[in-house]
Amino acid sequence: MPEEPYFKNETIRHQLNDIELSYVLGGGLDFALGRSKLAEDQRFYCGLKANKFTTTIPASYFNNTGIPVPSDIIYALEAYNYVFSVSVSYLF
């Protein structure tokens, strides 16, 4: 019997309009090209506040798979936001 994937649609709207403190590490390089310049910058942003995310897979989902699951499976994650950005500019 083919196994069906478990999909759960959740809203994250309550997480979107929030201010988050973070620290930033970065740097850049400039290369002279005659009268112009090629600039490269990189930044790494790391959030200081964990985003708590909890999802539950009901035990009834496993009924048709033949795997005995006595109770719901609950995943409680604490994830941090990380962003790495690179930009390249041509200055003339």
PDB file of N, CA and C in Angstrom:
ATOM      1  N   MET A   1       0.836  -1.166   0.000  1.00  0.00           N
ATOM      2  CA  MET A   1       0.000   0.000   0.000  1.00  0.00           C
ATOM      3  C   MET A   1       0.889   1.240   0.000  1.00  0.00           C
ATOM      4  N   PRO A   2       0.675   2.196  -0.926  1.00  0.00           N
ATOM      5  CA  PRO A   2       1.506   3.399  -0.952  1.00  0.00           C
ATOM      6  C   PRO A   2       1.204   4.289   0.253  1.00  0.00           C
ATOM      7  N   GLU A   3       2.249   4.870   0.779  1.00  0.00           N
ATOM      8  CA  GLU A   3       2.093   5.750   1.933  1.00  0.00           C
ATOM      9  C   GLU A   3       1.748   7.152   1.466  1.00  0.00           C
ATOM     10  N   GLU A   4       0.767   7.757   2.103  1.00  0.00           N
ATOM     11  CA  GLU A   4       0.364   9.109   1.757  1.00  0.00           C
ATOM     12  C   GLU A   4       1.187  10.101   2.576  1.00  0.00           C
ATOM     13  N   PRO A   5       1.648  11.170   1.965  1.00  0.00           N
ATOM     14  CA  PRO A   5       2.407  12.163   2.728  1.00  0.00           C
ATOM     15  C   PRO A   5       1.498  12.912   3.694  1.00  0.00           C
ATOM     16  N   TYR A   6       2.067  13.367   4.779  1.00  0.00           N
ATOM     17  CA  TYR A   6       1.317  14.127   5.773  1.00  0.00           C
ATOM     18  C   TYR A   6       1.487  15.614   5.499  1.00  0.00           C
ATOM     19  N   PHE A   7       0.390  16.288   5.234  1.00  0.00           N
ATOM     20  CA  PHE A   7       0.410  17.726   4.983  1.00  0.00           C
ATOM     21  C   PHE A   7      -0.418  18.421   6.051  1.00  0.00           C
ATOM     22  N   LYS A   8       0.093  19.532   6.523  1.00  0.00           N
ATOM     23  CA  LYS A   8      -0.656  20.321   7.490  1.00  0.00           C
ATOM     24  C   LYS A   8      -0.493  21.781   7.111  1.00  0.00           C
ATOM     25  N   ASN A   9      -1.582  22.442   6.876  1.00  0.00           N
ATOM     26  CA  ASN A   9      -1.541  23.868   6.540  1.00  0.00           C
ATOM     27  C   ASN A   9      -1.746  24.674   7.814  1.00  0.00           C
ATOM     28  N   GLU A  10      -0.776  25.516   8.123  1.00  0.00           N
ATOM     29  CA  GLU A  10      -0.862  26.349   9.312  1.00  0.00           C
ATOM     30  C   GLU A  10      -0.611  27.794   8.922  1.00  0.00           C
ATOM     31  N   THR A  11      -1.224  28.681   9.642  1.00  0.00           N
ATOM     32  CA  THR A  11      -0.984  30.092   9.400  1.00  0.00           C
ATOM     33  C   THR A  11       0.165  30.568  10.281  1.00  0.00           C
ATOM     34  N   ILE A  12       1.029  31.390   9.719  1.00  0.00           N
ATOM     35  CA  ILE A  12       2.139  31.956  10.489  1.00  0.00           C
ATOM     36  C   ILE A  12       1.997  33.474  10.562  1.00  0.00           C
ATOM     37  N   ARG A  13       0.809  33.957  10.306  1.00  0.00           N
ATOM     38  CA  ARG A  13       0.561  35.399  10.268  1.00  0.00           C
ATOM     39  C   ARG A  13       0.965  36.076  11.584  1.00  0.00           C
ATOM     40  N   HIS A  14       0.754  35.410  12.726  1.00  0.00           N
ATOM     41  CA  HIS A  14       1.091  36.009  14.012  1.00  0.00           C
ATOM     42  C   HIS A  14       2.604  36.184  14.189  1.00  0.00           C
ATOM     43  N   GLN A  15       3.418  35.522  13.379  1.00  0.00           N
ATOM     44  CA  GLN A  15       4.870  35.637  13.483  1.00  0.00           C
ATOM     45  C   GLN A  15       5.443  36.707  12.556  1.00  0.00           C
ATOM     46  N   LEU A  16       4.654  37.228  11.637  1.00  0.00           N
ATOM     47  CA  LEU A  16       5.186  38.103  10.605  1.00  0.00           C
ATOM     48  C   LEU A  16       5.370  39.552  11.027  1.00  0.00           C
ATOM     49  N   ASN A  17       4.506  40.057  11.875  1.00  0.00           N
ATOM     50  CA  ASN A  17       4.574  41.465  12.255  1.00  0.00           C
ATOM     51  C   ASN A  17       5.206  41.601  13.631  1.00  0.00           C
ATOM     52  N   ASP A  18       6.480  41.296  13.716  1.00  0.00           N
ATOM     53  CA  ASP A  18       7.174  41.322  14.986  1.00  0.00           C
ATOM     54  C   ASP A  18       8.565  41.912  14.768  1.00  0.00           C
ATOM     55  N   ILE A  19       9.072  42.574  15.769  1.00  0.00           N
ATOM     56  CA  ILE A  19      10.432  43.115  15.703  1.00  0.00           C
ATOM     57  C   ILE A  19      11.364  42.093  16.336  1.00  0.00           C
ATOM     58  N   GLU A  20      12.466  41.837  15.663  1.00  0.00           N
ATOM     59  CA  GLU A  20      13.419  40.861  16.166  1.00  0.00           C
ATOM     60  C   GLU A  20      14.807  41.473  16.200  1.00  0.00           C
ATOM     61  N   LEU A  21      15.456  41.359  17.339  1.00  0.00           N
ATOM     62  CA  LEU A  21      16.836  41.819  17.455  1.00  0.00           C
ATOM     63  C   LEU A  21      17.759  40.763  16.877  1.00  0.00           C
ATOM     64  N   SER A  22      18.827  41.215  16.249  1.00  0.00           N
ATOM     65  CA  SER A  22      19.778  40.278  15.660  1.00  0.00           C
ATOM     66  C   SER A  22      21.158  40.904  15.674  1.00  0.00           C
ATOM     67  N   TYR A  23      22.158  40.090  15.463  1.00  0.00           N
ATOM     68  CA  TYR A  23      23.499  40.631  15.279  1.00  0.00           C
ATOM     69  C   TYR A  23      23.908  40.403  13.840  1.00  0.00           C
ATOM     70  N   VAL A  24      24.814  41.235  13.373  1.00  0.00           N
ATOM     71  CA  VAL A  24      25.210  41.225  11.974  1.00  0.00           C
ATOM     72  C   VAL A  24      26.733  41.165  11.890  1.00  0.00           C
ATOM     73  N   LEU A  25      27.221  40.267  11.076  1.00  0.00           N
ATOM     74  CA  LEU A  25      28.641  40.205  10.737  1.00  0.00           C
ATOM     75  C   LEU A  25      28.745  40.428   9.240  1.00  0.00           C
ATOM     76  N   GLY A  26      29.733  41.187   8.814  1.00  0.00           N
ATOM     77  CA  GLY A  26      29.837  41.417   7.384  1.00  0.00           C
ATOM     78  C   GLY A  26      31.148  42.062   6.996  1.00  0.00           C
ATOM     79  N   GLY A  27      31.269  42.221   5.721  1.00  0.00           N
ATOM     80  CA  GLY A  27      32.465  42.847   5.180  1.00  0.00           C
ATOM     81  C   GLY A  27      32.327  43.040   3.691  1.00  0.00           C
ATOM     82  N   GLY A  28      33.355  43.573   3.103  1.00  0.00           N
ATOM     83  CA  GLY A  28      33.293  43.798   1.670  1.00  0.00           C
ATOM     84  C   GLY A  28      34.657  44.029   1.068  1.00  0.00           C
ATOM     85  N   LEU A  29      34.679  43.968  -0.247  1.00  0.00           N
ATOM     86  CA  LEU A  29      35.895  44.196  -1.025  1.00  0.00           C
ATOM     87  C   LEU A  29      35.574  45.157  -2.164  1.00  0.00           C
ATOM     88  N   ASP A  30      36.521  46.028  -2.475  1.00  0.00           N
ATOM     89  CA  ASP A  30      36.389  46.935  -3.611  1.00  0.00           C
ATOM     90  C   ASP A  30      37.545  46.681  -4.564  1.00  0.00           C
ATOM     91  N   PHE A  31      37.237  46.614  -5.847  1.00  0.00           N
ATOM     92  CA  PHE A  31      38.241  46.407  -6.883  1.00  0.00           C
ATOM     93  C   PHE A  31      38.201  47.587  -7.845  1.00  0.00           C
ATOM     94  N   ALA A  32      39.337  48.240  -8.034  1.00  0.00           N
ATOM     95  CA  ALA A  32      39.412  49.376  -8.955  1.00  0.00           C
ATOM     96  C   ALA A  32      39.504  48.847 -10.389  1.00  0.00           C
ATOM     97  N   LEU A  33      38.640  49.383 -11.253  1.00  0.00           N
ATOM     98  CA  LEU A  33      38.626  49.029 -12.672  1.00  0.00           C
ATOM     99  C   LEU A  33      38.746  50.312 -13.486  1.00  0.00           C
ATOM    100  N   GLY A  34      39.953  50.837 -13.545  1.00  0.00           N
ATOM    101  CA  GLY A  34      40.139  52.112 -14.246  1.00  0.00           C
ATOM    102  C   GLY A  34      39.489  53.232 -13.468  1.00  0.00           C
ATOM    103  N   ARG A  35      38.529  53.941 -14.095  1.00  0.00           N
ATOM    104  CA  ARG A  35      37.811  55.029 -13.425  1.00  0.00           C
ATOM    105  C   ARG A  35      36.604  54.518 -12.654  1.00  0.00           C
ATOM    106  N   SER A  36      36.266  53.259 -12.774  1.00  0.00           N
ATOM    107  CA  SER A  36      35.106  52.693 -12.076  1.00  0.00           C
ATOM    108  C   SER A  36      35.567  51.720 -10.990  1.00  0.00           C
ATOM    109  N   LYS A  37      34.612  51.138 -10.321  1.00  0.00           N
ATOM    110  CA  LYS A  37      34.921  50.261  -9.204  1.00  0.00           C
ATOM    111  C   LYS A  37      33.896  49.117  -9.142  1.00  0.00           C
ATOM    112  N   LEU A  38      34.375  47.942  -8.808  1.00  0.00           N
ATOM    113  CA  LEU A  38      33.517  46.783  -8.584  1.00  0.00           C
ATOM    114  C   LEU A  38      33.538  46.507  -7.081  1.00  0.00           C
ATOM    115  N   ALA A  39      32.374  46.525  -6.452  1.00  0.00           N
ATOM    116  CA  ALA A  39      32.281  46.344  -5.002  1.00  0.00           C
ATOM    117  C   ALA A  39      31.507  45.068  -4.693  1.00  0.00           C
ATOM    118  N   GLU A  40      31.998  44.317  -3.718  1.00  0.00           N
ATOM    119  CA  GLU A  40      31.330  43.085  -3.269  1.00  0.00           C
ATOM    120  C   GLU A  40      31.164  43.183  -1.763  1.00  0.00           C
ATOM    121  N   ASP A  41      29.946  42.973  -1.284  1.00  0.00           N
ATOM    122  CA  ASP A  41      29.639  43.030   0.140  1.00  0.00           C
ATOM    123  C   ASP A  41      28.893  41.768   0.547  1.00  0.00           C
ATOM    124  N   GLN A  42      29.163  41.287   1.751  1.00  0.00           N
ATOM    125  CA  GLN A  42      28.424  40.137   2.280  1.00  0.00           C
ATOM    126  C   GLN A  42      28.040  40.426   3.726  1.00  0.00           C
ATOM    127  N   ARG A  43      26.889  39.902   4.127  1.00  0.00           N
ATOM    128  CA  ARG A  43      26.374  40.095   5.484  1.00  0.00           C
ATOM    129  C   ARG A  43      25.775  38.781   5.969  1.00  0.00           C
ATOM    130  N   PHE A  44      25.943  38.523   7.266  1.00  0.00           N
ATOM    131  CA  PHE A  44      25.317  37.382   7.915  1.00  0.00           C
ATOM    132  C   PHE A  44      24.528  37.912   9.099  1.00  0.00           C
ATOM    133  N   TYR A  45      23.216  37.711   9.067  1.00  0.00           N
ATOM    134  CA  TYR A  45      22.321  38.165  10.119  1.00  0.00           C
ATOM    135  C   TYR A  45      21.882  36.945  10.933  1.00  0.00           C
ATOM    136  N   CYS A  46      21.917  37.060  12.244  1.00  0.00           N
ATOM    137  CA  CYS A  46      21.492  35.967  13.119  1.00  0.00           C
ATOM    138  C   CYS A  46      20.527  36.526  14.153  1.00  0.00           C
ATOM    139  N   GLY A  47      19.322  35.969  14.193  1.00  0.00           N
ATOM    140  CA  GLY A  47      18.325  36.404  15.154  1.00  0.00           C
ATOM    141  C   GLY A  47      18.692  35.958  16.565  1.00  0.00           C
ATOM    142  N   LEU A  48      18.346  36.792  17.553  1.00  0.00           N
ATOM    143  CA  LEU A  48      18.650  36.477  18.943  1.00  0.00           C
ATOM    144  C   LEU A  48      17.482  35.820  19.665  1.00  0.00           C
ATOM    145  N   LYS A  49      16.302  35.836  19.066  1.00  0.00           N
ATOM    146  CA  LYS A  49      15.120  35.269  19.697  1.00  0.00           C
ATOM    147  C   LYS A  49      14.699  34.015  18.928  1.00  0.00           C
ATOM    148  N   ALA A  50      14.486  32.933  19.651  1.00  0.00           N
ATOM    149  CA  ALA A  50      14.071  31.683  19.006  1.00  0.00           C
ATOM    150  C   ALA A  50      12.597  31.762  18.609  1.00  0.00           C
ATOM    151  N   ASN A  51      12.296  31.227  17.441  1.00  0.00           N
ATOM    152  CA  ASN A  51      10.915  31.104  16.987  1.00  0.00           C
ATOM    153  C   ASN A  51      10.405  29.741  17.434  1.00  0.00           C
ATOM    154  N   LYS A  52       9.455  29.741  18.326  1.00  0.00           N
ATOM    155  CA  LYS A  52       8.930  28.475  18.820  1.00  0.00           C
ATOM    156  C   LYS A  52       7.877  27.965  17.843  1.00  0.00           C
ATOM    157  N   PHE A  53       8.058  26.757  17.387  1.00  0.00           N
ATOM    158  CA  PHE A  53       7.162  26.150  16.408  1.00  0.00           C
ATOM    159  C   PHE A  53       6.788  24.766  16.914  1.00  0.00           C
ATOM    160  N   THR A  54       5.515  24.493  16.971  1.00  0.00           N
ATOM    161  CA  THR A  54       5.040  23.190  17.411  1.00  0.00           C
ATOM    162  C   THR A  54       4.078  22.644  16.362  1.00  0.00           C
ATOM    163  N   THR A  55       4.278  21.421  15.973  1.00  0.00           N
ATOM    164  CA  THR A  55       3.351  20.756  15.064  1.00  0.00           C
ATOM    165  C   THR A  55       3.021  19.382  15.624  1.00  0.00           C
ATOM    166  N   THR A  56       1.832  18.935  15.342  1.00  0.00           N
ATOM    167  CA  THR A  56       1.358  17.651  15.868  1.00  0.00           C
ATOM    168  C   THR A  56       0.901  16.770  14.721  1.00  0.00           C
ATOM    169  N   ILE A  57       1.377  15.530  14.705  1.00  0.00           N
ATOM    170  CA  ILE A  57       0.896  14.526  13.747  1.00  0.00           C
ATOM    171  C   ILE A  57      -0.008  13.587  14.530  1.00  0.00           C
ATOM    172  N   PRO A  58      -1.291  13.548  14.190  1.00  0.00           N
ATOM    173  CA  PRO A  58      -2.209  12.707  14.958  1.00  0.00           C
ATOM    174  C   PRO A  58      -1.902  11.224  14.783  1.00  0.00           C
ATOM    175  N   ALA A  59      -2.122  10.454  15.855  1.00  0.00           N
ATOM    176  CA  ALA A  59      -1.872   9.014  15.815  1.00  0.00           C
ATOM    177  C   ALA A  59      -2.776   8.325  14.788  1.00  0.00           C
ATOM    178  N   SER A  60      -3.928   8.893  14.520  1.00  0.00           N
ATOM    179  CA  SER A  60      -4.861   8.294  13.552  1.00  0.00           C
ATOM    180  C   SER A  60      -4.291   8.287  12.134  1.00  0.00           C
ATOM    181  N   TYR A  61      -3.328   9.144  11.851  1.00  0.00           N
ATOM    182  CA  TYR A  61      -2.696   9.176  10.535  1.00  0.00           C
ATOM    183  C   TYR A  61      -2.009   7.852  10.231  1.00  0.00           C
ATOM    184  N   PHE A  62      -1.513   7.158  11.246  1.00  0.00           N
ATOM    185  CA  PHE A  62      -0.770   5.921  11.059  1.00  0.00           C
ATOM    186  C   PHE A  62      -1.646   4.676  11.045  1.00  0.00           C
ATOM    187  N   ASN A  63      -2.956   4.815  11.170  1.00  0.00           N
ATOM    188  CA  ASN A  63      -3.852   3.657  11.213  1.00  0.00           C
ATOM    189  C   ASN A  63      -3.733   2.778   9.976  1.00  0.00           C
ATOM    190  N   ASN A  64      -3.669   3.357   8.790  1.00  0.00           N
ATOM    191  CA  ASN A  64      -3.644   2.583   7.551  1.00  0.00           C
ATOM    192  C   ASN A  64      -2.252   2.084   7.167  1.00  0.00           C
ATOM    193  N   THR A  65      -1.227   2.490   7.902  1.00  0.00           N
ATOM    194  CA  THR A  65       0.135   2.087   7.551  1.00  0.00           C
ATOM    195  C   THR A  65       0.570   0.809   8.240  1.00  0.00           C
ATOM    196  N   GLY A  66      -0.147   0.375   9.253  1.00  0.00           N
ATOM    197  CA  GLY A  66       0.228  -0.823   9.988  1.00  0.00           C
ATOM    198  C   GLY A  66       1.266  -0.570  11.063  1.00  0.00           C
ATOM    199  N   ILE A  67       1.595   0.696  11.300  1.00  0.00           N
ATOM    200  CA  ILE A  67       2.556   1.043  12.348  1.00  0.00           C
ATOM    201  C   ILE A  67       1.767   1.431  13.592  1.00  0.00           C
ATOM    202  N   PRO A  68       1.941   0.699  14.689  1.00  0.00           N
ATOM    203  CA  PRO A  68       1.188   1.051  15.905  1.00  0.00           C
ATOM    204  C   PRO A  68       1.780   2.300  16.563  1.00  0.00           C
ATOM    205  N   VAL A  69       0.999   3.344  16.634  1.00  0.00           N
ATOM    206  CA  VAL A  69       1.412   4.582  17.292  1.00  0.00           C
ATOM    207  C   VAL A  69       0.388   4.863  18.384  1.00  0.00           C
ATOM    208  N   PRO A  70       0.803   4.787  19.664  1.00  0.00           N
ATOM    209  CA  PRO A  70      -0.161   4.912  20.759  1.00  0.00           C
ATOM    210  C   PRO A  70      -0.678   6.322  20.999  1.00  0.00           C
ATOM    211  N   SER A  71       0.109   7.352  20.662  1.00  0.00           N
ATOM    212  CA  SER A  71      -0.345   8.718  20.913  1.00  0.00           C
ATOM    213  C   SER A  71       0.159   9.636  19.798  1.00  0.00           C
ATOM    214  N   ASP A  72      -0.357  10.859  19.809  1.00  0.00           N
ATOM    215  CA  ASP A  72       0.053  11.844  18.804  1.00  0.00           C
ATOM    216  C   ASP A  72       1.550  12.124  18.908  1.00  0.00           C
ATOM    217  N   ILE A  73       2.168  12.418  17.766  1.00  0.00           N
ATOM    218  CA  ILE A  73       3.582  12.784  17.731  1.00  0.00           C
ATOM    219  C   ILE A  73       3.653  14.301  17.702  1.00  0.00           C
ATOM    220  N   ILE A  74       4.363  14.863  18.660  1.00  0.00           N
ATOM    221  CA  ILE A  74       4.459  16.315  18.791  1.00  0.00           C
ATOM    222  C   ILE A  74       5.916  16.732  18.601  1.00  0.00           C
ATOM    223  N   TYR A  75       6.139  17.629  17.648  1.00  0.00           N
ATOM    224  CA  TYR A  75       7.466  18.203  17.423  1.00  0.00           C
ATOM    225  C   TYR A  75       7.464  19.626  17.958  1.00  0.00           C
ATOM    226  N   ALA A  76       8.309  19.898  18.903  1.00  0.00           N
ATOM    227  CA  ALA A  76       8.465  21.251  19.441  1.00  0.00           C
ATOM    228  C   ALA A  76       9.863  21.722  19.069  1.00  0.00           C
ATOM    229  N   LEU A  77       9.931  22.680  18.170  1.00  0.00           N
ATOM    230  CA  LEU A  77      11.213  23.168  17.671  1.00  0.00           C
ATOM    231  C   LEU A  77      11.436  24.606  18.116  1.00  0.00           C
ATOM    232  N   GLU A  78      12.685  24.938  18.352  1.00  0.00           N
ATOM    233  CA  GLU A  78      13.069  26.324  18.567  1.00  0.00           C
ATOM    234  C   GLU A  78      14.116  26.655  17.515  1.00  0.00           C
ATOM    235  N   ALA A  79      13.720  27.409  16.528  1.00  0.00           N
ATOM    236  CA  ALA A  79      14.615  27.744  15.418  1.00  0.00           C
ATOM    237  C   ALA A  79      14.910  29.234  15.429  1.00  0.00           C
ATOM    238  N   TYR A  80      16.103  29.580  15.013  1.00  0.00           N
ATOM    239  CA  TYR A  80      16.517  30.972  14.909  1.00  0.00           C
ATOM    240  C   TYR A  80      16.536  31.376  13.438  1.00  0.00           C
ATOM    241  N   ASN A  81      16.291  32.650  13.190  1.00  0.00           N
ATOM    242  CA  ASN A  81      16.357  33.166  11.820  1.00  0.00           C
ATOM    243  C   ASN A  81      17.799  33.467  11.452  1.00  0.00           C
ATOM    244  N   TYR A  82      18.231  32.962  10.314  1.00  0.00           N
ATOM    245  CA  TYR A  82      19.559  33.231   9.773  1.00  0.00           C
ATOM    246  C   TYR A  82      19.403  33.728   8.343  1.00  0.00           C
ATOM    247  N   VAL A  83      20.134  34.758   8.002  1.00  0.00           N
ATOM    248  CA  VAL A  83      20.111  35.282   6.636  1.00  0.00           C
ATOM    249  C   VAL A  83      21.549  35.559   6.213  1.00  0.00           C
ATOM    250  N   PHE A  84      21.923  35.079   5.046  1.00  0.00           N
ATOM    251  CA  PHE A  84      23.225  35.390   4.462  1.00  0.00           C
ATOM    252  C   PHE A  84      22.965  36.091   3.146  1.00  0.00           C
ATOM    253  N   SER A  85      23.539  37.264   2.979  1.00  0.00           N
ATOM    254  CA  SER A  85      23.318  38.001   1.732  1.00  0.00           C
ATOM    255  C   SER A  85      24.646  38.427   1.131  1.00  0.00           C
ATOM    256  N   VAL A  86      24.680  38.436  -0.186  1.00  0.00           N
ATOM    257  CA  VAL A  86      25.850  38.863  -0.951  1.00  0.00           C
ATOM    258  C   VAL A  86      25.359  39.841  -2.014  1.00  0.00           C
ATOM    259  N   SER A  87      26.068  40.942  -2.152  1.00  0.00           N
ATOM    260  CA  SER A  87      25.719  41.894  -3.204  1.00  0.00           C
ATOM    261  C   SER A  87      26.981  42.282  -3.963  1.00  0.00           C
ATOM    262  N   VAL A  88      26.811  42.468  -5.253  1.00  0.00           N
ATOM    263  CA  VAL A  88      27.889  42.918  -6.125  1.00  0.00           C
ATOM    264  C   VAL A  88      27.407  44.188  -6.828  1.00  0.00           C
ATOM    265  N   SER A  89      28.245  45.218  -6.772  1.00  0.00           N
ATOM    266  CA  SER A  89      27.878  46.522  -7.356  1.00  0.00           C
ATOM    267  C   SER A  89      28.954  46.981  -8.315  1.00  0.00           C
ATOM    268  N   TYR A  90      28.523  47.664  -9.348  1.00  0.00           N
ATOM    269  CA  TYR A  90      29.446  48.281 -10.300  1.00  0.00           C
ATOM    270  C   TYR A  90      29.253  49.785 -10.174  1.00  0.00           C
ATOM    271  N   LEU A  91      30.267  50.486  -9.730  1.00  0.00           N
ATOM    272  CA  LEU A  91      30.202  51.937  -9.519  1.00  0.00           C
ATOM    273  C   LEU A  91      30.945  52.638 -10.658  1.00  0.00           C
ATOM    274  N   PHE A  92      30.249  53.518 -11.330  1.00  0.00           N
ATOM    275  CA  PHE A  92      30.894  54.225 -12.447  1.00  0.00           C
ATOM    276  C   PHE A  92      30.745  55.716 -12.311  1.00  0.00           C
TER     277      PHE A  92
END
